[in-house]
Amino acid sequence: MERRVLVVCTANLCRSPVAAALLTRQLAGAVDVEGRSWSVASAGTTAHRAELDPDTVAAAASLGIEIGDHRSRVLSPADVEAADLVLTMTREHLRHVVASVPTAWPKTFTLRELVRRAGPLAPAASMAAWLAAAGAERRTADLMQASADDDVTDPYRRGLAANEAMVHELSVLTADVVRLGPWRPHA
């Protein structure tokens, strides 16, 4: 049975579709330590209907990521419940996810937070063990305020340079999550 990563941002127009596409590429052919493959989806916390930012599409294309056909969708509690791992772009998104599905706390992290927490971890025997280790001593109070330590800046309608910076940052962060996480190339 396949496992699922859900990537969340505000409108599902810039950050989460790019991160989802990057993770999809990086997890292609990989399995976790329990031999299970992963799929990736994305959603937004608001029902903001707009076109993709053309600068986001261009910046993603520079890394070979095609998101031009992406259609924004609104996060639902069912999406969160179905996910094995939820990665948000900001602490605000994390709070939204956990407020809508309180049981999601152990599997929901900002992308930056998970990279920071996973860095010193020893290899895990299971996904559950890896998530538990990554979340050890984690406190909700620590995530109440916005933080440059955890938030990926929204580049929507801020020009090509802002979008290129976001795509580069997400490329590094998603590669780090896969490298530090319980995944290995498919045998």
N, C-alpha and C. Protein backbone atom coordinates (compact mmCIF):
# COMPACT_ATOMS: atom_id res chain seq x y z
N MET A 1 0.83 -1.18 0.00
CA MET A 1 0.00 0.00 0.00
C MET A 1 0.88 1.25 0.00
N GLU A 2 0.53 2.19 -0.84
CA GLU A 2 1.29 3.42 -0.99
C GLU A 2 1.03 4.38 0.16
N ARG A 3 2.07 5.09 0.54
CA ARG A 3 1.94 6.14 1.55
C ARG A 3 1.86 7.49 0.84
N ARG A 4 1.46 8.50 1.61
CA ARG A 4 1.20 9.79 0.99
C ARG A 4 1.80 10.95 1.77
N VAL A 5 2.45 11.85 1.02
CA VAL A 5 2.90 13.14 1.55
C VAL A 5 1.91 14.18 1.04
N LEU A 6 1.48 15.04 1.93
CA LEU A 6 0.63 16.16 1.57
C LEU A 6 1.40 17.44 1.84
N VAL A 7 1.50 18.32 0.84
CA VAL A 7 2.22 19.58 0.97
C VAL A 7 1.18 20.71 0.97
N VAL A 8 1.30 21.62 1.95
CA VAL A 8 0.27 22.64 2.15
C VAL A 8 0.88 24.04 2.15
N CYS A 9 0.22 24.95 1.42
CA CYS A 9 0.53 26.38 1.51
C CYS A 9 -0.78 27.14 1.54
N THR A 10 -0.77 28.41 1.23
CA THR A 10 -1.98 29.24 1.36
C THR A 10 -3.00 28.96 0.26
N ALA A 11 -2.63 29.22 -0.99
CA ALA A 11 -3.60 29.12 -2.08
C ALA A 11 -3.31 27.96 -3.02
N ASN A 12 -2.26 27.20 -2.77
CA ASN A 12 -1.89 26.08 -3.62
C ASN A 12 -1.58 26.56 -5.04
N LEU A 13 -0.89 27.71 -5.10
CA LEU A 13 -0.55 28.30 -6.39
C LEU A 13 0.95 28.43 -6.64
N CYS A 14 1.77 28.42 -5.61
CA CYS A 14 3.21 28.61 -5.79
C CYS A 14 4.01 27.55 -5.03
N ARG A 15 4.11 27.73 -3.73
CA ARG A 15 5.01 26.91 -2.93
C ARG A 15 4.63 25.44 -2.89
N SER A 16 3.39 25.13 -2.54
CA SER A 16 3.03 23.71 -2.39
C SER A 16 3.05 22.95 -3.71
N PRO A 17 2.61 23.51 -4.85
CA PRO A 17 2.74 22.73 -6.08
C PRO A 17 4.19 22.50 -6.49
N VAL A 18 5.05 23.50 -6.25
CA VAL A 18 6.47 23.32 -6.58
C VAL A 18 7.09 22.27 -5.67
N ALA A 19 6.85 22.36 -4.36
CA ALA A 19 7.41 21.38 -3.42
C ALA A 19 6.88 19.98 -3.73
N ALA A 20 5.60 19.87 -4.07
CA ALA A 20 5.02 18.56 -4.39
C ALA A 20 5.67 17.99 -5.65
N ALA A 21 5.87 18.82 -6.66
CA ALA A 21 6.51 18.34 -7.88
C ALA A 21 7.96 17.91 -7.62
N LEU A 22 8.67 18.68 -6.82
CA LEU A 22 10.04 18.31 -6.47
C LEU A 22 10.08 17.00 -5.70
N LEU A 23 9.22 16.86 -4.70
CA LEU A 23 9.18 15.61 -3.93
C LEU A 23 8.79 14.43 -4.80
N THR A 24 7.84 14.63 -5.70
CA THR A 24 7.44 13.56 -6.61
C THR A 24 8.64 13.07 -7.41
N ARG A 25 9.42 14.02 -7.92
CA ARG A 25 10.61 13.65 -8.70
C ARG A 25 11.65 12.96 -7.82
N GLN A 26 11.86 13.50 -6.61
CA GLN A 26 12.90 12.95 -5.74
C GLN A 26 12.53 11.59 -5.15
N LEU A 27 11.23 11.32 -5.02
CA LEU A 27 10.79 10.04 -4.46
C LEU A 27 10.47 9.01 -5.54
N ALA A 28 10.57 9.39 -6.80
CA ALA A 28 10.30 8.45 -7.89
C ALA A 28 11.25 7.25 -7.80
N GLY A 29 10.69 6.08 -7.72
CA GLY A 29 11.49 4.87 -7.64
C GLY A 29 12.04 4.57 -6.26
N ALA A 30 11.78 5.44 -5.29
CA ALA A 30 12.26 5.21 -3.92
C ALA A 30 11.17 4.54 -3.10
N VAL A 31 11.60 3.85 -2.08
CA VAL A 31 10.68 3.26 -1.10
C VAL A 31 11.19 3.64 0.28
N ASP A 32 10.31 3.55 1.27
CA ASP A 32 10.77 3.84 2.62
C ASP A 32 11.39 2.58 3.21
N VAL A 33 11.86 2.67 4.44
CA VAL A 33 12.57 1.55 5.05
C VAL A 33 11.69 0.33 5.22
N GLU A 34 10.39 0.52 5.10
CA GLU A 34 9.46 -0.61 5.17
C GLU A 34 9.06 -1.12 3.79
N GLY A 35 9.72 -0.59 2.75
CA GLY A 35 9.49 -1.06 1.39
C GLY A 35 8.26 -0.47 0.70
N ARG A 36 7.71 0.61 1.25
CA ARG A 36 6.51 1.20 0.68
C ARG A 36 6.84 2.43 -0.17
N SER A 37 6.17 2.54 -1.29
CA SER A 37 6.34 3.70 -2.16
C SER A 37 5.47 4.85 -1.66
N TRP A 38 5.74 6.03 -2.20
CA TRP A 38 5.07 7.24 -1.74
C TRP A 38 4.50 8.02 -2.91
N SER A 39 3.35 8.63 -2.70
CA SER A 39 2.79 9.59 -3.65
C SER A 39 2.75 10.95 -2.95
N VAL A 40 2.64 11.99 -3.75
CA VAL A 40 2.68 13.35 -3.21
C VAL A 40 1.49 14.13 -3.77
N ALA A 41 0.82 14.88 -2.90
CA ALA A 41 -0.28 15.75 -3.30
C ALA A 41 -0.07 17.11 -2.63
N SER A 42 -0.81 18.10 -3.10
CA SER A 42 -0.72 19.42 -2.48
C SER A 42 -2.11 20.04 -2.39
N ALA A 43 -2.23 21.01 -1.48
CA ALA A 43 -3.49 21.72 -1.29
C ALA A 43 -3.19 23.05 -0.60
N GLY A 44 -4.19 23.93 -0.60
CA GLY A 44 -4.06 25.23 0.04
C GLY A 44 -5.06 25.42 1.15
N THR A 45 -4.72 26.27 2.09
CA THR A 45 -5.61 26.50 3.25
C THR A 45 -6.75 27.44 2.93
N THR A 46 -6.69 28.15 1.81
CA THR A 46 -7.76 29.09 1.45
C THR A 46 -8.31 28.76 0.07
N ALA A 47 -9.54 29.18 -0.17
CA ALA A 47 -10.19 28.96 -1.46
C ALA A 47 -9.93 30.16 -2.37
N HIS A 48 -8.68 30.42 -2.64
CA HIS A 48 -8.26 31.55 -3.47
C HIS A 48 -8.18 31.07 -4.91
N ARG A 49 -9.13 31.47 -5.72
CA ARG A 49 -9.14 31.05 -7.12
C ARG A 49 -8.40 32.06 -7.98
N ALA A 50 -7.28 31.67 -8.50
CA ALA A 50 -6.48 32.54 -9.35
C ALA A 50 -5.63 31.66 -10.26
N GLU A 51 -5.05 32.29 -11.24
CA GLU A 51 -4.14 31.58 -12.14
C GLU A 51 -2.80 31.39 -11.43
N LEU A 52 -2.08 30.37 -11.86
CA LEU A 52 -0.72 30.21 -11.36
C LEU A 52 0.08 31.45 -11.71
N ASP A 53 0.98 31.81 -10.83
CA ASP A 53 1.86 32.93 -11.10
C ASP A 53 2.79 32.51 -12.24
N PRO A 54 2.79 33.24 -13.36
CA PRO A 54 3.66 32.85 -14.48
C PRO A 54 5.14 32.81 -14.10
N ASP A 55 5.53 33.63 -13.13
CA ASP A 55 6.92 33.60 -12.68
C ASP A 55 7.23 32.32 -11.90
N THR A 56 6.24 31.79 -11.19
CA THR A 56 6.43 30.50 -10.52
C THR A 56 6.60 29.40 -11.56
N VAL A 57 5.75 29.41 -12.57
CA VAL A 57 5.83 28.41 -13.64
C VAL A 57 7.20 28.47 -14.31
N ALA A 58 7.67 29.67 -14.61
CA ALA A 58 8.98 29.84 -15.26
C ALA A 58 10.12 29.39 -14.35
N ALA A 59 10.06 29.78 -13.10
CA ALA A 59 11.12 29.41 -12.16
C ALA A 59 11.18 27.89 -11.98
N ALA A 60 10.02 27.26 -11.88
CA ALA A 60 9.98 25.80 -11.74
C ALA A 60 10.51 25.13 -13.01
N ALA A 61 10.14 25.65 -14.16
CA ALA A 61 10.60 25.08 -15.43
C ALA A 61 12.11 25.13 -15.56
N SER A 62 12.74 26.12 -14.94
CA SER A 62 14.20 26.21 -15.01
C SER A 62 14.88 25.02 -14.35
N LEU A 63 14.15 24.33 -13.47
CA LEU A 63 14.67 23.10 -12.85
C LEU A 63 14.06 21.83 -13.47
N GLY A 64 13.36 22.01 -14.58
CA GLY A 64 12.74 20.86 -15.24
C GLY A 64 11.44 20.43 -14.58
N ILE A 65 10.84 21.31 -13.81
CA ILE A 65 9.57 21.01 -13.13
C ILE A 65 8.45 21.71 -13.90
N GLU A 66 7.52 20.93 -14.41
CA GLU A 66 6.39 21.47 -15.17
C GLU A 66 5.16 21.49 -14.26
N ILE A 67 4.68 22.69 -13.94
CA ILE A 67 3.48 22.81 -13.11
C ILE A 67 2.37 23.59 -13.81
N GLY A 68 2.54 23.88 -15.10
CA GLY A 68 1.58 24.70 -15.83
C GLY A 68 0.17 24.15 -15.84
N ASP A 69 0.00 22.83 -15.72
CA ASP A 69 -1.33 22.23 -15.72
C ASP A 69 -1.93 22.12 -14.32
N HIS A 70 -1.19 22.54 -13.31
CA HIS A 70 -1.67 22.44 -11.93
C HIS A 70 -2.92 23.27 -11.72
N ARG A 71 -3.86 22.73 -10.97
CA ARG A 71 -5.07 23.45 -10.58
C ARG A 71 -5.13 23.49 -9.07
N SER A 72 -5.30 24.69 -8.55
CA SER A 72 -5.38 24.90 -7.11
C SER A 72 -6.53 24.12 -6.51
N ARG A 73 -6.30 23.57 -5.32
CA ARG A 73 -7.40 22.91 -4.60
C ARG A 73 -7.29 23.23 -3.12
N VAL A 74 -8.44 23.22 -2.47
CA VAL A 74 -8.53 23.59 -1.07
C VAL A 74 -8.33 22.35 -0.19
N LEU A 75 -7.56 22.52 0.84
CA LEU A 75 -7.30 21.47 1.82
C LEU A 75 -8.59 21.04 2.51
N SER A 76 -8.74 19.75 2.68
CA SER A 76 -9.89 19.23 3.43
C SER A 76 -9.37 18.37 4.58
N PRO A 77 -10.18 18.21 5.63
CA PRO A 77 -9.77 17.29 6.70
C PRO A 77 -9.49 15.88 6.18
N ALA A 78 -10.21 15.45 5.17
CA ALA A 78 -9.97 14.11 4.61
C ALA A 78 -8.58 14.01 4.00
N ASP A 79 -8.10 15.09 3.36
CA ASP A 79 -6.74 15.10 2.82
C ASP A 79 -5.72 14.87 3.93
N VAL A 80 -5.92 15.58 5.03
CA VAL A 80 -4.99 15.48 6.16
C VAL A 80 -5.04 14.08 6.76
N GLU A 81 -6.22 13.56 6.96
CA GLU A 81 -6.36 12.22 7.55
C GLU A 81 -5.75 11.15 6.67
N ALA A 82 -5.81 11.31 5.35
CA ALA A 82 -5.27 10.31 4.43
C ALA A 82 -3.76 10.36 4.31
N ALA A 83 -3.16 11.46 4.72
CA ALA A 83 -1.71 11.64 4.58
C ALA A 83 -0.94 10.95 5.69
N ASP A 84 0.22 10.43 5.34
CA ASP A 84 1.13 9.85 6.32
C ASP A 84 2.13 10.88 6.83
N LEU A 85 2.33 11.93 6.04
CA LEU A 85 3.22 13.03 6.38
C LEU A 85 2.64 14.29 5.76
N VAL A 86 2.52 15.34 6.57
CA VAL A 86 2.03 16.63 6.08
C VAL A 86 3.15 17.65 6.25
N LEU A 87 3.52 18.29 5.15
CA LEU A 87 4.58 19.29 5.15
C LEU A 87 3.96 20.63 4.79
N THR A 88 4.13 21.62 5.66
CA THR A 88 3.57 22.93 5.41
C THR A 88 4.68 23.92 5.08
N MET A 89 4.29 25.00 4.45
CA MET A 89 5.27 26.02 4.07
C MET A 89 5.52 27.04 5.17
N THR A 90 4.57 27.17 6.11
CA THR A 90 4.73 28.11 7.22
C THR A 90 4.13 27.52 8.49
N ARG A 91 4.46 28.16 9.58
CA ARG A 91 3.86 27.77 10.85
C ARG A 91 2.36 28.04 10.84
N GLU A 92 1.93 29.10 10.17
CA GLU A 92 0.50 29.39 10.07
C GLU A 92 -0.24 28.24 9.40
N HIS A 93 0.33 27.70 8.34
CA HIS A 93 -0.28 26.55 7.67
C HIS A 93 -0.32 25.34 8.60
N LEU A 94 0.75 25.13 9.34
CA LEU A 94 0.80 24.02 10.30
C LEU A 94 -0.33 24.16 11.32
N ARG A 95 -0.49 25.35 11.85
CA ARG A 95 -1.56 25.58 12.83
C ARG A 95 -2.93 25.33 12.21
N HIS A 96 -3.12 25.73 10.96
CA HIS A 96 -4.39 25.49 10.28
C HIS A 96 -4.67 23.99 10.16
N VAL A 97 -3.67 23.24 9.73
CA VAL A 97 -3.82 21.79 9.58
C VAL A 97 -4.19 21.15 10.91
N VAL A 98 -3.44 21.47 11.95
CA VAL A 98 -3.65 20.84 13.25
C VAL A 98 -4.96 21.30 13.90
N ALA A 99 -5.36 22.54 13.63
CA ALA A 99 -6.65 23.01 14.16
C ALA A 99 -7.81 22.27 13.49
N SER A 100 -7.66 21.94 12.22
CA SER A 100 -8.74 21.23 11.52
C SER A 100 -8.74 19.74 11.83
N VAL A 101 -7.55 19.17 12.09
CA VAL A 101 -7.44 17.75 12.42
C VAL A 101 -6.41 17.63 13.55
N PRO A 102 -6.84 17.76 14.81
CA PRO A 102 -5.89 17.75 15.93
C PRO A 102 -4.99 16.51 16.00
N THR A 103 -5.46 15.37 15.54
CA THR A 103 -4.64 14.16 15.58
C THR A 103 -3.49 14.19 14.56
N ALA A 104 -3.45 15.22 13.72
CA ALA A 104 -2.39 15.31 12.71
C ALA A 104 -1.08 15.85 13.26
N TRP A 105 -1.08 16.36 14.48
CA TRP A 105 0.13 16.97 15.05
C TRP A 105 1.38 16.11 14.89
N PRO A 106 1.37 14.82 15.23
CA PRO A 106 2.62 14.05 15.15
C PRO A 106 3.18 13.86 13.73
N LYS A 107 2.35 14.05 12.73
CA LYS A 107 2.81 13.82 11.36
C LYS A 107 2.88 15.12 10.55
N THR A 108 2.69 16.28 11.19
CA THR A 108 2.66 17.56 10.50
C THR A 108 3.81 18.44 10.96
N PHE A 109 4.60 18.90 9.99
CA PHE A 109 5.77 19.73 10.26
C PHE A 109 5.85 20.81 9.18
N THR A 110 6.45 21.95 9.52
CA THR A 110 6.85 22.82 8.42
C THR A 110 8.02 22.11 7.75
N LEU A 111 8.20 22.37 6.47
CA LEU A 111 9.29 21.72 5.74
C LEU A 111 10.64 22.05 6.37
N ARG A 112 10.84 23.30 6.70
CA ARG A 112 12.11 23.70 7.33
C ARG A 112 12.29 23.04 8.70
N GLU A 113 11.23 22.98 9.46
CA GLU A 113 11.30 22.36 10.79
C GLU A 113 11.71 20.90 10.68
N LEU A 114 11.11 20.17 9.74
CA LEU A 114 11.43 18.75 9.61
C LEU A 114 12.88 18.55 9.19
N VAL A 115 13.37 19.37 8.28
CA VAL A 115 14.78 19.26 7.89
C VAL A 115 15.68 19.50 9.10
N ARG A 116 15.36 20.53 9.86
CA ARG A 116 16.17 20.86 11.05
C ARG A 116 16.13 19.72 12.07
N ARG A 117 14.96 19.17 12.31
CA ARG A 117 14.82 18.11 13.31
C ARG A 117 15.37 16.77 12.83
N ALA A 118 15.30 16.51 11.53
CA ALA A 118 15.74 15.22 10.99
C ALA A 118 17.25 15.14 10.86
N GLY A 119 17.91 16.29 10.79
CA GLY A 119 19.36 16.31 10.59
C GLY A 119 20.15 15.44 11.54
N PRO A 120 19.92 15.55 12.85
CA PRO A 120 20.73 14.75 13.78
C PRO A 120 20.19 13.34 14.07
N LEU A 121 19.13 12.92 13.39
CA LEU A 121 18.53 11.62 13.71
C LEU A 121 19.33 10.46 13.15
N ALA A 122 19.35 9.38 13.89
CA ALA A 122 19.93 8.12 13.42
C ALA A 122 18.94 7.48 12.45
N PRO A 123 19.40 6.60 11.58
CA PRO A 123 18.48 5.91 10.68
C PRO A 123 17.36 5.21 11.46
N ALA A 124 16.16 5.29 10.92
CA ALA A 124 15.00 4.72 11.61
C ALA A 124 14.60 3.39 10.99
N ALA A 125 14.01 2.55 11.82
CA ALA A 125 13.55 1.24 11.36
C ALA A 125 12.17 1.31 10.72
N SER A 126 11.45 2.41 10.95
CA SER A 126 10.11 2.55 10.38
C SER A 126 9.79 4.03 10.22
N MET A 127 8.78 4.30 9.42
CA MET A 127 8.33 5.68 9.25
C MET A 127 7.82 6.22 10.57
N ALA A 128 7.06 5.43 11.29
CA ALA A 128 6.52 5.86 12.58
C ALA A 128 7.64 6.21 13.56
N ALA A 129 8.70 5.42 13.57
CA ALA A 129 9.83 5.69 14.47
C ALA A 129 10.54 6.98 14.06
N TRP A 130 10.67 7.21 12.75
CA TRP A 130 11.32 8.43 12.26
C TRP A 130 10.51 9.66 12.64
N LEU A 131 9.18 9.60 12.42
CA LEU A 131 8.33 10.73 12.79
C LEU A 131 8.36 10.98 14.30
N ALA A 132 8.33 9.92 15.08
CA ALA A 132 8.38 10.08 16.54
C ALA A 132 9.69 10.72 16.97
N ALA A 133 10.80 10.29 16.37
CA ALA A 133 12.10 10.87 16.71
C ALA A 133 12.17 12.33 16.27
N ALA A 134 11.65 12.63 15.09
CA ALA A 134 11.67 14.01 14.60
C ALA A 134 10.81 14.92 15.47
N GLY A 135 9.75 14.38 16.03
CA GLY A 135 8.85 15.17 16.85
C GLY A 135 9.15 15.14 18.34
N ALA A 136 10.20 14.44 18.73
CA ALA A 136 10.54 14.34 20.15
C ALA A 136 10.75 15.73 20.76
N GLU A 137 10.16 15.94 21.92
CA GLU A 137 10.29 17.19 22.68
C GLU A 137 9.78 18.42 21.92
N ARG A 138 8.99 18.20 20.95
CA ARG A 138 8.39 19.29 20.18
C ARG A 138 7.20 19.85 20.95
N ARG A 139 7.07 21.17 20.96
CA ARG A 139 5.97 21.79 21.71
C ARG A 139 5.16 22.70 20.79
N THR A 140 3.85 22.61 20.89
CA THR A 140 3.00 23.47 20.06
C THR A 140 3.27 24.95 20.33
N ALA A 141 3.57 25.29 21.56
CA ALA A 141 3.82 26.69 21.92
C ALA A 141 5.00 27.27 21.13
N ASP A 142 5.95 26.43 20.76
CA ASP A 142 7.11 26.89 20.01
C ASP A 142 6.76 27.29 18.58
N LEU A 143 5.59 26.91 18.12
CA LEU A 143 5.21 27.16 16.74
C LEU A 143 4.08 28.18 16.60
N MET A 144 3.82 28.94 17.63
CA MET A 144 2.70 29.88 17.61
C MET A 144 2.98 31.15 16.81
N GLN A 145 4.20 31.60 16.76
CA GLN A 145 4.54 32.82 16.03
C GLN A 145 5.17 32.47 14.68
N ALA A 146 5.03 33.39 13.73
CA ALA A 146 5.73 33.23 12.45
C ALA A 146 7.24 33.25 12.73
N SER A 147 8.00 32.59 11.89
CA SER A 147 9.44 32.53 12.12
C SER A 147 10.20 32.32 10.82
N ALA A 148 11.23 33.11 10.64
CA ALA A 148 12.11 32.90 9.48
C ALA A 148 12.78 31.54 9.55
N ASP A 149 12.86 30.95 10.74
CA ASP A 149 13.44 29.62 10.89
C ASP A 149 12.58 28.55 10.23
N ASP A 150 11.27 28.78 10.15
CA ASP A 150 10.35 27.76 9.66
C ASP A 150 9.55 28.14 8.43
N ASP A 151 9.44 29.41 8.11
CA ASP A 151 8.54 29.84 7.04
C ASP A 151 9.26 30.04 5.71
N VAL A 152 8.69 29.45 4.66
CA VAL A 152 9.14 29.68 3.30
C VAL A 152 8.31 30.84 2.76
N THR A 153 8.97 31.90 2.35
CA THR A 153 8.29 33.13 1.91
C THR A 153 7.45 32.90 0.66
N ASP A 154 6.25 33.46 0.67
CA ASP A 154 5.33 33.37 -0.46
C ASP A 154 5.78 34.34 -1.55
N PRO A 155 6.11 33.85 -2.76
CA PRO A 155 6.57 34.73 -3.82
C PRO A 155 5.46 35.21 -4.76
N TYR A 156 4.22 34.88 -4.46
CA TYR A 156 3.12 35.15 -5.38
C TYR A 156 3.08 36.62 -5.80
N ARG A 157 3.18 36.83 -7.12
CA ARG A 157 3.14 38.16 -7.74
C ARG A 157 4.26 39.09 -7.26
N ARG A 158 5.38 38.49 -6.86
CA ARG A 158 6.52 39.30 -6.40
C ARG A 158 7.68 39.27 -7.39
N GLY A 159 7.45 38.74 -8.57
CA GLY A 159 8.47 38.77 -9.61
C GLY A 159 9.26 37.48 -9.74
N LEU A 160 10.00 37.42 -10.83
CA LEU A 160 10.76 36.21 -11.15
C LEU A 160 11.85 35.92 -10.12
N ALA A 161 12.55 36.92 -9.66
CA ALA A 161 13.65 36.68 -8.71
C ALA A 161 13.13 36.05 -7.42
N ALA A 162 12.00 36.53 -6.91
CA ALA A 162 11.42 35.95 -5.69
C ALA A 162 10.99 34.51 -5.92
N ASN A 163 10.46 34.23 -7.09
CA ASN A 163 10.06 32.87 -7.41
C ASN A 163 11.25 31.94 -7.61
N GLU A 164 12.28 32.45 -8.24
CA GLU A 164 13.50 31.65 -8.40
C GLU A 164 14.11 31.32 -7.04
N ALA A 165 14.11 32.28 -6.13
CA ALA A 165 14.63 32.04 -4.78
C ALA A 165 13.80 30.97 -4.07
N MET A 166 12.47 31.05 -4.20
CA MET A 166 11.59 30.07 -3.57
C MET A 166 11.82 28.67 -4.15
N VAL A 167 11.91 28.58 -5.47
CA VAL A 167 12.12 27.28 -6.12
C VAL A 167 13.46 26.69 -5.68
N HIS A 168 14.49 27.51 -5.64
CA HIS A 168 15.80 27.03 -5.19
C HIS A 168 15.73 26.54 -3.74
N GLU A 169 15.12 27.35 -2.87
CA GLU A 169 15.00 26.96 -1.47
C GLU A 169 14.25 25.64 -1.33
N LEU A 170 13.13 25.50 -2.04
CA LEU A 170 12.35 24.26 -1.95
C LEU A 170 13.10 23.07 -2.54
N SER A 171 13.90 23.31 -3.56
CA SER A 171 14.70 22.23 -4.14
C SER A 171 15.67 21.68 -3.10
N VAL A 172 16.32 22.58 -2.38
CA VAL A 172 17.28 22.16 -1.35
C VAL A 172 16.55 21.48 -0.20
N LEU A 173 15.47 22.08 0.28
CA LEU A 173 14.75 21.53 1.44
C LEU A 173 14.14 20.17 1.14
N THR A 174 13.52 20.01 -0.02
CA THR A 174 12.90 18.72 -0.34
C THR A 174 13.97 17.64 -0.52
N ALA A 175 15.08 18.00 -1.13
CA ALA A 175 16.18 17.03 -1.27
C ALA A 175 16.70 16.63 0.11
N ASP A 176 16.79 17.60 1.02
CA ASP A 176 17.26 17.30 2.38
C ASP A 176 16.28 16.37 3.11
N VAL A 177 14.99 16.61 2.98
CA VAL A 177 14.01 15.73 3.64
C VAL A 177 14.16 14.30 3.14
N VAL A 178 14.28 14.14 1.83
CA VAL A 178 14.42 12.78 1.27
C VAL A 178 15.74 12.16 1.72
N ARG A 179 16.82 12.94 1.70
CA ARG A 179 18.14 12.42 2.10
C ARG A 179 18.16 12.04 3.58
N LEU A 180 17.52 12.85 4.42
CA LEU A 180 17.55 12.63 5.87
C LEU A 180 16.46 11.68 6.35
N GLY A 181 15.47 11.45 5.51
CA GLY A 181 14.33 10.62 5.92
C GLY A 181 14.55 9.14 5.71
N PRO A 182 13.52 8.37 5.97
CA PRO A 182 13.63 6.91 5.91
C PRO A 182 13.40 6.34 4.51
N TRP A 183 13.95 7.00 3.48
CA TRP A 183 13.77 6.52 2.12
C TRP A 183 15.07 5.97 1.56
N ARG A 184 14.93 5.06 0.65
CA ARG A 184 16.09 4.50 -0.06
C ARG A 184 15.68 4.22 -1.50
N PRO A 185 16.64 4.19 -2.41
CA PRO A 185 16.30 3.90 -3.81
C PRO A 185 15.62 2.54 -3.91
N HIS A 186 14.69 2.45 -4.82
CA HIS A 186 13.97 1.18 -5.03
C HIS A 186 14.96 0.12 -5.50
N ALA A 187 14.91 -1.05 -4.89
CA ALA A 187 15.85 -2.13 -5.23
C ALA A 187 15.54 -2.70 -6.59
